[in-house]
Amino acid sequence: MVGGDGSAPGGGASRRRVILLTGPSGAGKSRLSARLSTAHGWPVVRLDDFYREASDPRLPRSPLGIPDWDHADSWDADSAVDALRRLVDEGTVEVPVYDIGASAVTGRHVVQARPTDYVVAEGLFAGRLVEHLRREDLLAEALCVRQNRSLTALRRFVRDLSERRKPPHILVRRGFTLWREEPHVVAQAEAHGARCLHPRQAEAELGGLRRTAGTA
């Protein structure tokens, strides 16, 4: 496992590295990322922005007749890795902005990182990048954010409804499916090498990583 100070074999703690945050939809990945960015100034890459567009024939469809955002093939992992690699190596990268309601990329924006920053990359499929980033000496930590799954389901529904991601009846049906499948999602994240923690535990651990890096 990568060291708690963000170091890895062959590198020092001062090099930029990536913190992967995975976990079920609605578990608190985005909120945790925002708190880390506010507290430490770390840049955040939303991996959900690398979903495929509705016009892409490779985008899987769910039985509900909508894009299946919970299928690994709905997401462009290669482009996500390329963006993270560039941000680590060059300190700046342009990434897409994806609108789930429209199932389309609606813009682009620039993410920048300071030389000693950690890069927070959060998304449902973040766990699938663990081994790849570890091989390239880009990984600082990989965590799976999880809470009570009924609370997660409620928060997910409120979020998706407020953002008008899809019609309410679709959100209810999809929400029940995700509630039922959450243990499998968590098990997959662990199989990929992520450690599962409550968001507050994860925040405390990563704050310690920041303090260690700051004194290195």
C-alpha atoms as a PDB file:
ATOM      1  CA  MET A   1       0.000   0.000   0.000  1.00  0.00           C
ATOM      2  CA  VAL A   2       1.106   3.536  -0.654  1.00  0.00           C
ATOM      3  CA  GLY A   3       2.491   5.213   2.441  1.00  0.00           C
ATOM      4  CA  GLY A   4       0.277   7.401   4.626  1.00  0.00           C
ATOM      5  CA  ASP A   5       2.504  10.377   3.878  1.00  0.00           C
ATOM      6  CA  GLY A   6       1.587  10.171   0.221  1.00  0.00           C
ATOM      7  CA  SER A   7       4.986   8.784  -0.708  1.00  0.00           C
ATOM      8  CA  ALA A   8       5.513   5.781  -2.933  1.00  0.00           C
ATOM      9  CA  PRO A   9       8.509   3.664  -3.880  1.00  0.00           C
ATOM     10  CA  GLY A  10      10.965   5.762  -5.807  1.00  0.00           C
ATOM     11  CA  GLY A  11       9.417   9.148  -4.956  1.00  0.00           C
ATOM     12  CA  GLY A  12       9.220  11.749  -2.228  1.00  0.00           C
ATOM     13  CA  ALA A  13       6.183  13.212  -0.531  1.00  0.00           C
ATOM     14  CA  SER A  14       6.559  16.537  -2.348  1.00  0.00           C
ATOM     15  CA  ARG A  15       5.531  15.180  -5.758  1.00  0.00           C
ATOM     16  CA  ARG A  16       1.935  15.678  -6.790  1.00  0.00           C
ATOM     17  CA  ARG A  17      -0.113  12.528  -6.349  1.00  0.00           C
ATOM     18  CA  VAL A  18      -3.737  11.513  -6.641  1.00  0.00           C
ATOM     19  CA  ILE A  19      -6.225  10.751  -3.869  1.00  0.00           C
ATOM     20  CA  LEU A  20      -9.003   8.563  -5.279  1.00  0.00           C
ATOM     21  CA  LEU A  21     -12.439   8.780  -3.652  1.00  0.00           C
ATOM     22  CA  THR A  22     -14.895   6.137  -4.770  1.00  0.00           C
ATOM     23  CA  GLY A  23     -18.118   4.777  -3.285  1.00  0.00           C
ATOM     24  CA  PRO A  24     -21.851   4.526  -3.964  1.00  0.00           C
ATOM     25  CA  SER A  25     -23.675   7.392  -5.639  1.00  0.00           C
ATOM     26  CA  GLY A  26     -24.873   9.781  -2.923  1.00  0.00           C
ATOM     27  CA  ALA A  27     -22.455   8.565  -0.232  1.00  0.00           C
ATOM     28  CA  GLY A  28     -20.740  11.939   0.098  1.00  0.00           C
ATOM     29  CA  LYS A  29     -17.770  11.846  -2.288  1.00  0.00           C
ATOM     30  CA  SER A  30     -18.430  15.283  -3.752  1.00  0.00           C
ATOM     31  CA  ARG A  31     -19.096  16.885  -0.376  1.00  0.00           C
ATOM     32  CA  LEU A  32     -15.903  15.395   1.052  1.00  0.00           C
ATOM     33  CA  SER A  33     -13.928  16.570  -1.979  1.00  0.00           C
ATOM     34  CA  ALA A  34     -15.292  20.089  -1.563  1.00  0.00           C
ATOM     35  CA  ARG A  35     -14.323  20.159   2.114  1.00  0.00           C
ATOM     36  CA  LEU A  36     -10.803  18.961   1.322  1.00  0.00           C
ATOM     37  CA  SER A  37     -10.453  21.584  -1.383  1.00  0.00           C
ATOM     38  CA  THR A  38     -11.647  24.333   0.954  1.00  0.00           C
ATOM     39  CA  ALA A  39      -9.410  23.225   3.820  1.00  0.00           C
ATOM     40  CA  HIS A  40      -6.217  22.519   1.873  1.00  0.00           C
ATOM     41  CA  GLY A  41      -6.571  24.147  -1.529  1.00  0.00           C
ATOM     42  CA  TRP A  42      -6.337  20.803  -3.304  1.00  0.00           C
ATOM     43  CA  PRO A  43      -7.750  20.653  -6.843  1.00  0.00           C
ATOM     44  CA  VAL A  44     -10.685  18.338  -7.511  1.00  0.00           C
ATOM     45  CA  VAL A  45     -11.263  16.335 -10.685  1.00  0.00           C
ATOM     46  CA  ARG A  46     -14.843  15.090 -11.044  1.00  0.00           C
ATOM     47  CA  LEU A  47     -14.501  11.736 -12.733  1.00  0.00           C
ATOM     48  CA  ASP A  48     -18.226  11.753 -13.547  1.00  0.00           C
ATOM     49  CA  ASP A  49     -17.356  14.427 -16.124  1.00  0.00           C
ATOM     50  CA  PHE A  50     -15.781  11.645 -18.176  1.00  0.00           C
ATOM     51  CA  TYR A  51     -19.072   9.866 -18.836  1.00  0.00           C
ATOM     52  CA  ARG A  52     -19.785   9.130 -22.487  1.00  0.00           C
ATOM     53  CA  GLU A  53     -22.321  11.295 -24.300  1.00  0.00           C
ATOM     54  CA  ALA A  54     -25.750  10.053 -25.382  1.00  0.00           C
ATOM     55  CA  SER A  55     -24.601  10.156 -29.007  1.00  0.00           C
ATOM     56  CA  ASP A  56     -21.758   7.720 -28.271  1.00  0.00           C
ATOM     57  CA  PRO A  57     -22.784   4.205 -29.392  1.00  0.00           C
ATOM     58  CA  ARG A  58     -20.578   2.761 -26.630  1.00  0.00           C
ATOM     59  CA  LEU A  59     -22.833   4.241 -23.917  1.00  0.00           C
ATOM     60  CA  PRO A  60     -24.809   1.373 -22.306  1.00  0.00           C
ATOM     61  CA  ARG A  61     -28.558   1.754 -21.736  1.00  0.00           C
ATOM     62  CA  SER A  62     -30.417   0.582 -18.645  1.00  0.00           C
ATOM     63  CA  PRO A  63     -33.750  -1.299 -18.665  1.00  0.00           C
ATOM     64  CA  LEU A  64     -35.309   2.062 -17.729  1.00  0.00           C
ATOM     65  CA  GLY A  65     -34.424   3.385 -21.173  1.00  0.00           C
ATOM     66  CA  ILE A  66     -31.839   5.879 -19.917  1.00  0.00           C
ATOM     67  CA  PRO A  67     -28.035   5.857 -20.008  1.00  0.00           C
ATOM     68  CA  ASP A  68     -26.728   3.317 -17.514  1.00  0.00           C
ATOM     69  CA  TRP A  69     -24.345   5.515 -15.518  1.00  0.00           C
ATOM     70  CA  ASP A  70     -23.696   2.608 -13.150  1.00  0.00           C
ATOM     71  CA  HIS A  71     -22.164   0.471 -15.898  1.00  0.00           C
ATOM     72  CA  ALA A  72     -18.373   0.702 -16.165  1.00  0.00           C
ATOM     73  CA  ASP A  73     -18.556   1.058 -19.961  1.00  0.00           C
ATOM     74  CA  SER A  74     -20.492   4.322 -19.594  1.00  0.00           C
ATOM     75  CA  TRP A  75     -17.283   5.988 -18.495  1.00  0.00           C
ATOM     76  CA  ASP A  76     -14.111   6.839 -20.447  1.00  0.00           C
ATOM     77  CA  ALA A  77     -11.419   5.585 -18.079  1.00  0.00           C
ATOM     78  CA  ASP A  78      -8.562   6.190 -20.521  1.00  0.00           C
ATOM     79  CA  SER A  79      -9.393   9.884 -20.861  1.00  0.00           C
ATOM     80  CA  ALA A  80      -9.698  10.207 -17.082  1.00  0.00           C
ATOM     81  CA  VAL A  81      -6.261   8.653 -16.532  1.00  0.00           C
ATOM     82  CA  ASP A  82      -4.737  10.869 -19.219  1.00  0.00           C
ATOM     83  CA  ALA A  83      -6.163  13.974 -17.532  1.00  0.00           C
ATOM     84  CA  LEU A  84      -4.876  12.960 -14.099  1.00  0.00           C
ATOM     85  CA  ARG A  85      -1.450  12.140 -15.487  1.00  0.00           C
ATOM     86  CA  ARG A  86      -1.220  15.528 -17.186  1.00  0.00           C
ATOM     87  CA  LEU A  87      -2.349  17.370 -14.057  1.00  0.00           C
ATOM     88  CA  VAL A  88       0.268  15.569 -11.956  1.00  0.00           C
ATOM     89  CA  ASP A  89       3.059  16.055 -14.497  1.00  0.00           C
ATOM     90  CA  GLU A  90       2.273  19.554 -15.786  1.00  0.00           C
ATOM     91  CA  GLY A  91       0.188  21.164 -13.054  1.00  0.00           C
ATOM     92  CA  THR A  92      -2.696  22.071 -15.357  1.00  0.00           C
ATOM     93  CA  VAL A  93      -5.260  20.254 -17.490  1.00  0.00           C
ATOM     94  CA  GLU A  94      -8.483  21.033 -19.333  1.00  0.00           C
ATOM     95  CA  VAL A  95     -11.335  18.678 -18.480  1.00  0.00           C
ATOM     96  CA  PRO A  96     -14.936  18.323 -19.681  1.00  0.00           C
ATOM     97  CA  VAL A  97     -18.076  19.420 -17.858  1.00  0.00           C
ATOM     98  CA  TYR A  98     -20.758  16.737 -18.129  1.00  0.00           C
ATOM     99  CA  ASP A  99     -24.486  17.349 -17.649  1.00  0.00           C
ATOM    100  CA  ILE A 100     -26.154  14.107 -16.572  1.00  0.00           C
ATOM    101  CA  GLY A 101     -29.616  15.542 -17.230  1.00  0.00           C
ATOM    102  CA  ALA A 102     -28.642  16.138 -20.857  1.00  0.00           C
ATOM    103  CA  SER A 103     -26.306  13.122 -21.065  1.00  0.00           C
ATOM    104  CA  ALA A 104     -23.811  15.393 -22.787  1.00  0.00           C
ATOM    105  CA  VAL A 105     -20.640  17.423 -22.354  1.00  0.00           C
ATOM    106  CA  THR A 106     -21.726  21.049 -22.036  1.00  0.00           C
ATOM    107  CA  GLY A 107     -18.364  22.776 -21.647  1.00  0.00           C
ATOM    108  CA  ARG A 108     -14.776  22.521 -20.495  1.00  0.00           C
ATOM    109  CA  HIS A 109     -12.757  24.046 -17.670  1.00  0.00           C
ATOM    110  CA  VAL A 110      -9.159  24.176 -16.493  1.00  0.00           C
ATOM    111  CA  VAL A 111      -7.941  22.496 -13.291  1.00  0.00           C
ATOM    112  CA  GLN A 112      -4.614  23.606 -11.837  1.00  0.00           C
ATOM    113  CA  ALA A 113      -2.398  22.136  -9.105  1.00  0.00           C
ATOM    114  CA  ARG A 114       0.465  23.580  -7.092  1.00  0.00           C
ATOM    115  CA  PRO A 115       3.721  21.599  -6.923  1.00  0.00           C
ATOM    116  CA  THR A 116       2.985  20.042  -3.514  1.00  0.00           C
ATOM    117  CA  ASP A 117      -0.777  19.604  -3.929  1.00  0.00           C
ATOM    118  CA  TYR A 118      -2.623  16.344  -3.737  1.00  0.00           C
ATOM    119  CA  VAL A 119      -5.121  15.933  -6.571  1.00  0.00           C
ATOM    120  CA  VAL A 120      -8.532  14.687  -5.406  1.00  0.00           C
ATOM    121  CA  ALA A 121     -10.274  12.554  -8.047  1.00  0.00           C
ATOM    122  CA  GLU A 122     -13.780  11.492  -7.079  1.00  0.00           C
ATOM    123  CA  GLY A 123     -16.372   9.374  -8.793  1.00  0.00           C
ATOM    124  CA  LEU A 124     -18.288   6.117  -8.816  1.00  0.00           C
ATOM    125  CA  PHE A 125     -15.617   4.341 -10.876  1.00  0.00           C
ATOM    126  CA  ALA A 126     -12.560   5.874  -9.209  1.00  0.00           C
ATOM    127  CA  GLY A 127     -11.650   2.507  -7.719  1.00  0.00           C
ATOM    128  CA  ARG A 128     -10.997   1.148 -11.192  1.00  0.00           C
ATOM    129  CA  LEU A 129      -8.015   3.496 -11.480  1.00  0.00           C
ATOM    130  CA  VAL A 130      -6.218   2.276  -8.345  1.00  0.00           C
ATOM    131  CA  GLU A 131      -3.924  -0.270  -9.943  1.00  0.00           C
ATOM    132  CA  HIS A 132      -3.218   1.876 -12.998  1.00  0.00           C
ATOM    133  CA  LEU A 133      -2.217   4.922 -10.947  1.00  0.00           C
ATOM    134  CA  ARG A 134      -0.206   2.790  -8.543  1.00  0.00           C
ATOM    135  CA  ARG A 135       1.807   1.314 -11.418  1.00  0.00           C
ATOM    136  CA  GLU A 136       2.609   4.819 -12.654  1.00  0.00           C
ATOM    137  CA  ASP A 137       3.586   6.022  -9.159  1.00  0.00           C
ATOM    138  CA  LEU A 138       0.727   8.534  -9.197  1.00  0.00           C
ATOM    139  CA  LEU A 139      -1.350   7.235  -6.274  1.00  0.00           C
ATOM    140  CA  ALA A 140      -1.358   8.705  -2.779  1.00  0.00           C
ATOM    141  CA  GLU A 141      -4.462   7.009  -1.346  1.00  0.00           C
ATOM    142  CA  ALA A 142      -7.664   5.263  -2.427  1.00  0.00           C
ATOM    143  CA  LEU A 143     -10.731   5.429  -0.198  1.00  0.00           C
ATOM    144  CA  CYS A 144     -14.293   4.195  -0.593  1.00  0.00           C
ATOM    145  CA  VAL A 145     -16.745   6.594   1.043  1.00  0.00           C
ATOM    146  CA  ARG A 146     -19.745   4.838   2.562  1.00  0.00           C
ATOM    147  CA  GLN A 147     -22.558   5.516   5.039  1.00  0.00           C
ATOM    148  CA  ASN A 148     -25.859   3.901   6.002  1.00  0.00           C
ATOM    149  CA  ARG A 149     -27.236   2.892   2.619  1.00  0.00           C
ATOM    150  CA  SER A 150     -30.777   4.085   3.335  1.00  0.00           C
ATOM    151  CA  LEU A 151     -29.412   7.531   4.216  1.00  0.00           C
ATOM    152  CA  THR A 152     -27.305   7.430   1.067  1.00  0.00           C
ATOM    153  CA  ALA A 153     -30.382   6.554  -1.003  1.00  0.00           C
ATOM    154  CA  LEU A 154     -32.352   9.453   0.476  1.00  0.00           C
ATOM    155  CA  ARG A 155     -29.559  11.954  -0.143  1.00  0.00           C
ATOM    156  CA  ARG A 156     -29.109  10.665  -3.679  1.00  0.00           C
ATOM    157  CA  PHE A 157     -32.805  11.072  -4.453  1.00  0.00           C
ATOM    158  CA  VAL A 158     -32.944  14.613  -3.042  1.00  0.00           C
ATOM    159  CA  ARG A 159     -29.824  15.575  -5.013  1.00  0.00           C
ATOM    160  CA  ASP A 160     -30.987  14.064  -8.289  1.00  0.00           C
ATOM    161  CA  LEU A 161     -34.441  15.588  -7.912  1.00  0.00           C
ATOM    162  CA  SER A 162     -33.087  19.062  -7.137  1.00  0.00           C
ATOM    163  CA  GLU A 163     -30.725  18.861 -10.120  1.00  0.00           C
ATOM    164  CA  ARG A 164     -33.535  17.557 -12.366  1.00  0.00           C
ATOM    165  CA  ARG A 165     -31.340  14.746 -13.562  1.00  0.00           C
ATOM    166  CA  LYS A 166     -34.289  12.655 -14.711  1.00  0.00           C
ATOM    167  CA  PRO A 167     -38.089  12.460 -14.123  1.00  0.00           C
ATOM    168  CA  PRO A 168     -39.081  11.561 -10.526  1.00  0.00           C
ATOM    169  CA  HIS A 169     -40.485   8.129 -11.383  1.00  0.00           C
ATOM    170  CA  ILE A 170     -37.203   7.193 -13.056  1.00  0.00           C
ATOM    171  CA  LEU A 171     -35.242   8.419 -10.039  1.00  0.00           C
ATOM    172  CA  VAL A 172     -37.372   6.319  -7.669  1.00  0.00           C
ATOM    173  CA  ARG A 173     -36.901   3.141  -9.699  1.00  0.00           C
ATOM    174  CA  ARG A 174     -33.199   3.762 -10.206  1.00  0.00           C
ATOM    175  CA  GLY A 175     -32.795   4.629  -6.522  1.00  0.00           C
ATOM    176  CA  PHE A 176     -34.266   1.322  -5.401  1.00  0.00           C
ATOM    177  CA  THR A 177     -31.951  -0.550  -7.763  1.00  0.00           C
ATOM    178  CA  LEU A 178     -28.913   1.315  -6.430  1.00  0.00           C
ATOM    179  CA  TRP A 179     -29.968   0.706  -2.810  1.00  0.00           C
ATOM    180  CA  ARG A 180     -30.205  -3.020  -3.502  1.00  0.00           C
ATOM    181  CA  GLU A 181     -26.845  -3.125  -5.304  1.00  0.00           C
ATOM    182  CA  GLU A 182     -24.859  -0.945  -2.885  1.00  0.00           C
ATOM    183  CA  PRO A 183     -23.150  -3.839  -1.019  1.00  0.00           C
ATOM    184  CA  HIS A 184     -21.843  -5.084  -4.365  1.00  0.00           C
ATOM    185  CA  VAL A 185     -20.543  -1.605  -5.271  1.00  0.00           C
ATOM    186  CA  VAL A 186     -18.677  -1.408  -1.957  1.00  0.00           C
ATOM    187  CA  ALA A 187     -17.265  -4.920  -2.360  1.00  0.00           C
ATOM    188  CA  GLN A 188     -16.014  -4.027  -5.838  1.00  0.00           C
ATOM    189  CA  ALA A 189     -14.282  -0.912  -4.527  1.00  0.00           C
ATOM    190  CA  GLU A 190     -12.520  -2.979  -1.877  1.00  0.00           C
ATOM    191  CA  ALA A 191     -11.523  -5.562  -4.482  1.00  0.00           C
ATOM    192  CA  HIS A 192      -9.900  -2.800  -6.529  1.00  0.00           C
ATOM    193  CA  GLY A 193      -7.848  -1.766  -3.494  1.00  0.00           C
ATOM    194  CA  ALA A 194      -9.835   1.036  -1.858  1.00  0.00           C
ATOM    195  CA  ARG A 195     -10.312   1.189   1.921  1.00  0.00           C
ATOM    196  CA  CYS A 196     -13.873   1.881   3.052  1.00  0.00           C
ATOM    197  CA  LEU A 197     -14.459   4.685   5.559  1.00  0.00           C
ATOM    198  CA  HIS A 198     -17.189   7.051   6.700  1.00  0.00           C
ATOM    199  CA  PRO A 199     -16.685  10.500   5.113  1.00  0.00           C
ATOM    200  CA  ARG A 200     -15.655  12.067   8.427  1.00  0.00           C
ATOM    201  CA  GLN A 201     -13.110   9.317   9.074  1.00  0.00           C
ATOM    202  CA  ALA A 202     -11.748   9.781   5.568  1.00  0.00           C
ATOM    203  CA  GLU A 203     -11.517  13.534   6.087  1.00  0.00           C
ATOM    204  CA  ALA A 204      -9.569  13.069   9.326  1.00  0.00           C
ATOM    205  CA  GLU A 205      -7.147  10.603   7.742  1.00  0.00           C
ATOM    206  CA  LEU A 206      -6.497  12.799   4.735  1.00  0.00           C
ATOM    207  CA  GLY A 207      -6.006  15.805   6.990  1.00  0.00           C
ATOM    208  CA  GLY A 208      -3.251  13.844   8.715  1.00  0.00           C
ATOM    209  CA  LEU A 209      -1.719  13.071   5.343  1.00  0.00           C
ATOM    210  CA  ARG A 210      -1.675  16.806   4.659  1.00  0.00           C
ATOM    211  CA  ARG A 211       0.053  17.544   7.958  1.00  0.00           C
ATOM    212  CA  THR A 212       2.671  14.857   7.324  1.00  0.00           C
ATOM    213  CA  ALA A 213       3.349  16.158   3.827  1.00  0.00           C
ATOM    214  CA  GLY A 214       3.630  19.700   5.133  1.00  0.00           C
ATOM    215  CA  THR A 215       6.373  18.715   7.548  1.00  0.00           C
ATOM    216  CA  ALA A 216       8.277  16.471   5.143  1.00  0.00           C
END
